[in-house]
Amino acid sequence: MIVEREVEMPRSQRRRATLTHPDTAEIDLLDVLHALSDPTRMTIVRTLRADPERACGTFPVDVAPSTLTHHFRVLREAGVIRQREDGNRRWTALRLSDLDDRFPGLLDSILDAYEAHAEAVAP
């Protein structure tokens, strides 16, 4: 009897999953609103609004790497960010022009409201 075993590849030989991004016309308003409903994701978006592209490990958030990966996935699949691979680094950029094409002024309105709320509740 021959027993086949699945051999796990060393981490250095594994390939990352392909990053998928919706086309501009496929960006859904409810998906965008859901993606922006989380404080960590809003921190990511606010950071990208000030700094157009950043490496994934450089965001000012206090979450585990696996949790940060989840937040990036939610934002990416909603069409809020675009990510690209460059060697062993993953870079993240805000899809502001795509969002403005699809929903003019939406992101600015949400960011303004978020900032106003943060100032109102600050001690």
N, C-alpha and C. Protein backbone atom coordinates (compact mmCIF):
# COMPACT_ATOMS: atom_id res chain seq x y z
N MET A 1 0.83 -1.17 0.00
CA MET A 1 0.00 0.00 0.00
C MET A 1 0.88 1.24 0.00
N ILE A 2 0.55 2.19 -0.88
CA ILE A 2 1.30 3.45 -0.97
C ILE A 2 0.49 4.52 -0.26
N VAL A 3 1.15 5.19 0.65
CA VAL A 3 0.50 6.26 1.40
C VAL A 3 1.10 7.58 0.92
N GLU A 4 0.23 8.45 0.44
CA GLU A 4 0.69 9.77 0.00
C GLU A 4 0.58 10.74 1.16
N ARG A 5 1.62 11.51 1.32
CA ARG A 5 1.63 12.52 2.36
C ARG A 5 1.73 13.90 1.72
N GLU A 6 1.01 14.81 2.31
CA GLU A 6 1.13 16.18 1.85
C GLU A 6 2.32 16.79 2.57
N VAL A 7 3.27 17.27 1.81
CA VAL A 7 4.47 17.86 2.38
C VAL A 7 4.30 19.37 2.37
N GLU A 8 4.47 19.96 3.53
CA GLU A 8 4.34 21.41 3.63
C GLU A 8 5.63 22.05 3.16
N MET A 9 5.47 23.07 2.32
CA MET A 9 6.62 23.78 1.79
C MET A 9 7.16 24.73 2.86
N PRO A 10 8.46 24.92 2.87
CA PRO A 10 9.02 25.91 3.80
C PRO A 10 8.43 27.29 3.50
N ARG A 11 8.33 28.12 4.51
CA ARG A 11 7.72 29.44 4.36
C ARG A 11 8.38 30.24 3.24
N SER A 12 9.67 30.11 3.08
CA SER A 12 10.39 30.88 2.05
C SER A 12 9.99 30.47 0.63
N GLN A 13 9.39 29.30 0.46
CA GLN A 13 9.01 28.82 -0.87
C GLN A 13 7.52 28.96 -1.14
N ARG A 14 6.74 29.39 -0.14
CA ARG A 14 5.31 29.56 -0.34
C ARG A 14 5.04 30.81 -1.15
N ARG A 15 3.98 30.77 -1.94
CA ARG A 15 3.56 31.94 -2.70
C ARG A 15 2.41 32.61 -1.96
N ARG A 16 2.41 33.92 -1.98
CA ARG A 16 1.30 34.67 -1.40
C ARG A 16 0.10 34.55 -2.32
N ALA A 17 -1.06 34.65 -1.72
CA ALA A 17 -2.28 34.62 -2.50
C ALA A 17 -2.33 35.86 -3.40
N THR A 18 -2.92 35.70 -4.57
CA THR A 18 -3.06 36.80 -5.49
C THR A 18 -4.00 37.86 -4.90
N LEU A 19 -3.59 39.09 -4.99
CA LEU A 19 -4.41 40.19 -4.48
C LEU A 19 -5.48 40.53 -5.51
N THR A 20 -6.73 40.58 -5.07
CA THR A 20 -7.82 40.94 -5.97
C THR A 20 -8.40 42.28 -5.56
N HIS A 21 -8.72 43.07 -6.56
CA HIS A 21 -9.29 44.40 -6.36
C HIS A 21 -10.49 44.55 -7.27
N PRO A 22 -11.60 45.08 -6.78
CA PRO A 22 -12.74 45.29 -7.67
C PRO A 22 -12.45 46.43 -8.66
N ASP A 23 -13.01 46.32 -9.86
CA ASP A 23 -12.95 47.43 -10.81
C ASP A 23 -13.73 48.60 -10.23
N THR A 24 -13.43 49.78 -10.69
CA THR A 24 -14.11 50.97 -10.17
C THR A 24 -15.63 50.82 -10.26
N ALA A 25 -16.12 50.34 -11.39
CA ALA A 25 -17.57 50.20 -11.59
C ALA A 25 -18.20 49.17 -10.66
N GLU A 26 -17.39 48.28 -10.08
CA GLU A 26 -17.89 47.23 -9.19
C GLU A 26 -17.87 47.63 -7.73
N ILE A 27 -17.32 48.79 -7.40
CA ILE A 27 -17.25 49.22 -6.00
C ILE A 27 -18.67 49.50 -5.52
N ASP A 28 -19.05 48.84 -4.42
CA ASP A 28 -20.40 48.93 -3.89
C ASP A 28 -20.42 49.86 -2.67
N LEU A 29 -21.40 50.75 -2.64
CA LEU A 29 -21.49 51.72 -1.55
C LEU A 29 -21.59 51.05 -0.18
N LEU A 30 -22.41 50.02 -0.06
CA LEU A 30 -22.57 49.36 1.25
C LEU A 30 -21.28 48.68 1.69
N ASP A 31 -20.52 48.12 0.74
CA ASP A 31 -19.23 47.52 1.08
C ASP A 31 -18.26 48.58 1.58
N VAL A 32 -18.24 49.74 0.93
CA VAL A 32 -17.36 50.83 1.35
C VAL A 32 -17.74 51.30 2.75
N LEU A 33 -19.04 51.51 2.97
CA LEU A 33 -19.49 51.97 4.29
C LEU A 33 -19.16 50.96 5.38
N HIS A 34 -19.34 49.67 5.07
CA HIS A 34 -18.98 48.63 6.05
C HIS A 34 -17.47 48.68 6.34
N ALA A 35 -16.67 48.79 5.29
CA ALA A 35 -15.22 48.81 5.48
C ALA A 35 -14.78 49.99 6.34
N LEU A 36 -15.48 51.10 6.22
CA LEU A 36 -15.10 52.31 6.96
C LEU A 36 -15.75 52.39 8.33
N SER A 37 -16.46 51.35 8.74
CA SER A 37 -17.16 51.39 10.03
C SER A 37 -16.30 50.96 11.21
N ASP A 38 -15.06 50.59 10.96
CA ASP A 38 -14.19 50.10 12.02
C ASP A 38 -13.10 51.13 12.33
N PRO A 39 -12.83 51.42 13.59
CA PRO A 39 -11.82 52.42 13.94
C PRO A 39 -10.41 52.10 13.41
N THR A 40 -10.02 50.84 13.42
CA THR A 40 -8.69 50.48 12.90
C THR A 40 -8.62 50.75 11.41
N ARG A 41 -9.67 50.39 10.69
CA ARG A 41 -9.69 50.64 9.25
C ARG A 41 -9.72 52.14 8.95
N MET A 42 -10.42 52.91 9.79
CA MET A 42 -10.42 54.36 9.60
C MET A 42 -9.02 54.93 9.84
N THR A 43 -8.30 54.39 10.79
CA THR A 43 -6.92 54.83 11.02
C THR A 43 -6.07 54.56 9.79
N ILE A 44 -6.24 53.40 9.18
CA ILE A 44 -5.51 53.06 7.96
C ILE A 44 -5.84 54.07 6.87
N VAL A 45 -7.12 54.35 6.67
CA VAL A 45 -7.55 55.27 5.61
C VAL A 45 -7.05 56.69 5.89
N ARG A 46 -7.17 57.15 7.13
CA ARG A 46 -6.68 58.48 7.49
C ARG A 46 -5.17 58.59 7.26
N THR A 47 -4.44 57.54 7.59
CA THR A 47 -3.00 57.53 7.38
C THR A 47 -2.68 57.62 5.90
N LEU A 48 -3.42 56.87 5.08
CA LEU A 48 -3.18 56.90 3.63
C LEU A 48 -3.62 58.22 3.00
N ARG A 49 -4.57 58.88 3.60
CA ARG A 49 -4.99 60.20 3.09
C ARG A 49 -3.85 61.19 3.24
N ALA A 50 -3.08 61.06 4.30
CA ALA A 50 -1.94 61.95 4.55
C ALA A 50 -0.67 61.49 3.84
N ASP A 51 -0.52 60.19 3.64
CA ASP A 51 0.68 59.60 3.05
C ASP A 51 0.21 58.60 2.00
N PRO A 52 0.23 58.94 0.71
CA PRO A 52 -0.44 58.17 -0.33
C PRO A 52 -0.13 56.68 -0.43
N GLU A 53 1.08 56.27 -0.06
CA GLU A 53 1.40 54.84 -0.14
C GLU A 53 2.35 54.49 1.00
N ARG A 54 2.05 53.36 1.65
CA ARG A 54 2.88 52.92 2.78
C ARG A 54 3.07 51.42 2.73
N ALA A 55 4.19 50.98 3.30
CA ALA A 55 4.41 49.54 3.48
C ALA A 55 3.48 49.06 4.58
N CYS A 56 3.01 47.84 4.48
CA CYS A 56 1.97 47.34 5.38
C CYS A 56 2.33 47.36 6.85
N GLY A 57 3.54 47.16 7.21
CA GLY A 57 3.91 47.12 8.62
C GLY A 57 4.16 48.48 9.25
N THR A 58 3.86 49.56 8.54
CA THR A 58 4.21 50.89 9.03
C THR A 58 3.01 51.73 9.46
N PHE A 59 1.85 51.12 9.62
CA PHE A 59 0.66 51.87 10.01
C PHE A 59 0.59 52.00 11.54
N PRO A 60 0.11 53.14 12.03
CA PRO A 60 0.06 53.38 13.48
C PRO A 60 -1.15 52.73 14.14
N VAL A 61 -1.18 51.41 14.11
CA VAL A 61 -2.29 50.66 14.72
C VAL A 61 -1.71 49.65 15.69
N ASP A 62 -2.49 49.33 16.70
CA ASP A 62 -2.03 48.41 17.74
C ASP A 62 -2.84 47.12 17.67
N VAL A 63 -2.62 46.35 16.60
CA VAL A 63 -3.30 45.08 16.42
C VAL A 63 -2.28 44.04 15.97
N ALA A 64 -2.62 42.79 16.14
CA ALA A 64 -1.75 41.70 15.71
C ALA A 64 -1.63 41.71 14.18
N PRO A 65 -0.51 41.24 13.65
CA PRO A 65 -0.34 41.20 12.19
C PRO A 65 -1.48 40.48 11.46
N SER A 66 -1.97 39.39 12.04
CA SER A 66 -3.06 38.67 11.38
C SER A 66 -4.34 39.50 11.35
N THR A 67 -4.58 40.27 12.40
CA THR A 67 -5.75 41.15 12.44
C THR A 67 -5.59 42.28 11.45
N LEU A 68 -4.39 42.83 11.33
CA LEU A 68 -4.14 43.89 10.36
C LEU A 68 -4.35 43.36 8.94
N THR A 69 -3.93 42.15 8.67
CA THR A 69 -4.15 41.52 7.37
C THR A 69 -5.64 41.44 7.07
N HIS A 70 -6.43 41.08 8.07
CA HIS A 70 -7.89 41.03 7.90
C HIS A 70 -8.43 42.41 7.54
N HIS A 71 -8.00 43.45 8.24
CA HIS A 71 -8.49 44.80 7.97
C HIS A 71 -8.10 45.25 6.56
N PHE A 72 -6.89 44.94 6.14
CA PHE A 72 -6.48 45.26 4.77
C PHE A 72 -7.36 44.54 3.75
N ARG A 73 -7.67 43.29 4.02
CA ARG A 73 -8.51 42.51 3.08
C ARG A 73 -9.89 43.13 2.94
N VAL A 74 -10.49 43.53 4.07
CA VAL A 74 -11.82 44.15 4.03
C VAL A 74 -11.77 45.44 3.21
N LEU A 75 -10.77 46.27 3.46
CA LEU A 75 -10.63 47.52 2.71
C LEU A 75 -10.36 47.27 1.23
N ARG A 76 -9.51 46.31 0.93
CA ARG A 76 -9.16 45.99 -0.46
C ARG A 76 -10.36 45.45 -1.22
N GLU A 77 -11.08 44.50 -0.63
CA GLU A 77 -12.22 43.89 -1.31
C GLU A 77 -13.38 44.87 -1.47
N ALA A 78 -13.43 45.90 -0.62
CA ALA A 78 -14.47 46.93 -0.76
C ALA A 78 -14.07 47.97 -1.82
N GLY A 79 -12.81 47.98 -2.23
CA GLY A 79 -12.35 48.94 -3.22
C GLY A 79 -11.80 50.21 -2.63
N VAL A 80 -11.55 50.23 -1.33
CA VAL A 80 -11.06 51.44 -0.67
C VAL A 80 -9.55 51.59 -0.84
N ILE A 81 -8.83 50.48 -0.85
CA ILE A 81 -7.37 50.51 -1.01
C ILE A 81 -6.95 49.61 -2.16
N ARG A 82 -5.73 49.84 -2.63
CA ARG A 82 -5.09 48.96 -3.60
C ARG A 82 -3.77 48.53 -2.98
N GLN A 83 -3.46 47.24 -3.09
CA GLN A 83 -2.19 46.74 -2.57
C GLN A 83 -1.39 46.14 -3.71
N ARG A 84 -0.06 46.24 -3.56
CA ARG A 84 0.83 45.66 -4.57
C ARG A 84 2.03 45.04 -3.87
N GLU A 85 2.56 44.04 -4.50
CA GLU A 85 3.75 43.36 -3.98
C GLU A 85 4.99 44.00 -4.61
N ASP A 86 6.02 44.17 -3.81
CA ASP A 86 7.31 44.64 -4.30
C ASP A 86 8.37 43.88 -3.52
N GLY A 87 8.86 42.82 -4.12
CA GLY A 87 9.80 41.96 -3.40
C GLY A 87 9.08 41.28 -2.26
N ASN A 88 9.62 41.42 -1.06
CA ASN A 88 8.97 40.80 0.11
C ASN A 88 8.11 41.79 0.88
N ARG A 89 7.85 42.95 0.30
CA ARG A 89 7.01 43.96 0.96
C ARG A 89 5.69 44.11 0.21
N ARG A 90 4.68 44.44 0.96
CA ARG A 90 3.38 44.75 0.38
C ARG A 90 3.09 46.22 0.66
N TRP A 91 2.76 46.94 -0.41
CA TRP A 91 2.49 48.37 -0.32
C TRP A 91 0.99 48.61 -0.46
N THR A 92 0.51 49.60 0.28
CA THR A 92 -0.92 49.91 0.31
C THR A 92 -1.13 51.37 -0.08
N ALA A 93 -2.13 51.59 -0.95
CA ALA A 93 -2.47 52.95 -1.39
C ALA A 93 -3.98 53.13 -1.35
N LEU A 94 -4.40 54.34 -1.09
CA LEU A 94 -5.82 54.69 -1.07
C LEU A 94 -6.31 54.86 -2.52
N ARG A 95 -7.48 54.31 -2.82
CA ARG A 95 -8.06 54.43 -4.17
C ARG A 95 -8.98 55.65 -4.23
N LEU A 96 -8.45 56.80 -3.88
CA LEU A 96 -9.25 58.02 -3.78
C LEU A 96 -9.90 58.40 -5.10
N SER A 97 -9.13 58.37 -6.19
CA SER A 97 -9.72 58.78 -7.48
C SER A 97 -10.80 57.80 -7.92
N ASP A 98 -10.61 56.50 -7.67
CA ASP A 98 -11.64 55.51 -8.02
C ASP A 98 -12.90 55.73 -7.18
N LEU A 99 -12.72 56.01 -5.89
CA LEU A 99 -13.87 56.26 -5.02
C LEU A 99 -14.58 57.55 -5.40
N ASP A 100 -13.80 58.58 -5.76
CA ASP A 100 -14.42 59.84 -6.17
C ASP A 100 -15.14 59.71 -7.51
N ASP A 101 -14.61 58.87 -8.40
CA ASP A 101 -15.30 58.61 -9.67
C ASP A 101 -16.64 57.93 -9.42
N ARG A 102 -16.64 57.00 -8.50
CA ARG A 102 -17.84 56.20 -8.23
C ARG A 102 -18.83 56.95 -7.32
N PHE A 103 -18.31 57.57 -6.26
CA PHE A 103 -19.14 58.28 -5.27
C PHE A 103 -18.48 59.62 -4.95
N PRO A 104 -18.70 60.64 -5.79
CA PRO A 104 -18.00 61.92 -5.61
C PRO A 104 -18.16 62.50 -4.19
N GLY A 105 -17.01 62.80 -3.57
CA GLY A 105 -16.99 63.44 -2.26
C GLY A 105 -17.29 62.55 -1.07
N LEU A 106 -17.63 61.30 -1.30
CA LEU A 106 -18.02 60.41 -0.20
C LEU A 106 -16.91 60.26 0.84
N LEU A 107 -15.71 59.89 0.39
CA LEU A 107 -14.64 59.63 1.35
C LEU A 107 -14.28 60.89 2.14
N ASP A 108 -14.22 62.03 1.47
CA ASP A 108 -13.93 63.28 2.19
C ASP A 108 -15.01 63.56 3.23
N SER A 109 -16.27 63.34 2.88
CA SER A 109 -17.37 63.58 3.83
C SER A 109 -17.26 62.66 5.04
N ILE A 110 -16.95 61.40 4.80
CA ILE A 110 -16.81 60.44 5.90
C ILE A 110 -15.62 60.81 6.78
N LEU A 111 -14.50 61.15 6.17
CA LEU A 111 -13.32 61.53 6.96
C LEU A 111 -13.57 62.81 7.76
N ASP A 112 -14.25 63.79 7.16
CA ASP A 112 -14.58 65.01 7.89
C ASP A 112 -15.48 64.71 9.08
N ALA A 113 -16.49 63.87 8.88
CA ALA A 113 -17.40 63.51 9.97
C ALA A 113 -16.67 62.75 11.06
N TYR A 114 -15.76 61.87 10.68
CA TYR A 114 -14.99 61.09 11.64
C TYR A 114 -14.11 62.01 12.48
N GLU A 115 -13.45 62.96 11.81
CA GLU A 115 -12.59 63.92 12.53
C GLU A 115 -13.42 64.78 13.49
N ALA A 116 -14.57 65.26 13.03
CA ALA A 116 -15.43 66.09 13.88
C ALA A 116 -15.90 65.32 15.10
N HIS A 117 -16.26 64.05 14.90
CA HIS A 117 -16.70 63.21 16.02
C HIS A 117 -15.54 62.98 17.00
N ALA A 118 -14.34 62.71 16.48
CA ALA A 118 -13.19 62.48 17.33
C ALA A 118 -12.86 63.71 18.17
N GLU A 119 -12.99 64.89 17.57
CA GLU A 119 -12.73 66.13 18.32
C GLU A 119 -13.79 66.38 19.38
N ALA A 120 -15.05 66.02 19.07
CA ALA A 120 -16.14 66.25 20.00
C ALA A 120 -16.05 65.37 21.24
N VAL A 121 -15.54 64.16 21.09
CA VAL A 121 -15.48 63.24 22.22
C VAL A 121 -14.11 63.24 22.92
N ALA A 122 -13.15 63.98 22.37
CA ALA A 122 -11.81 64.03 22.98
C ALA A 122 -11.89 64.76 24.32
N PRO A 123 -11.12 64.26 25.29
CA PRO A 123 -11.16 64.91 26.62
C PRO A 123 -10.52 66.26 26.61
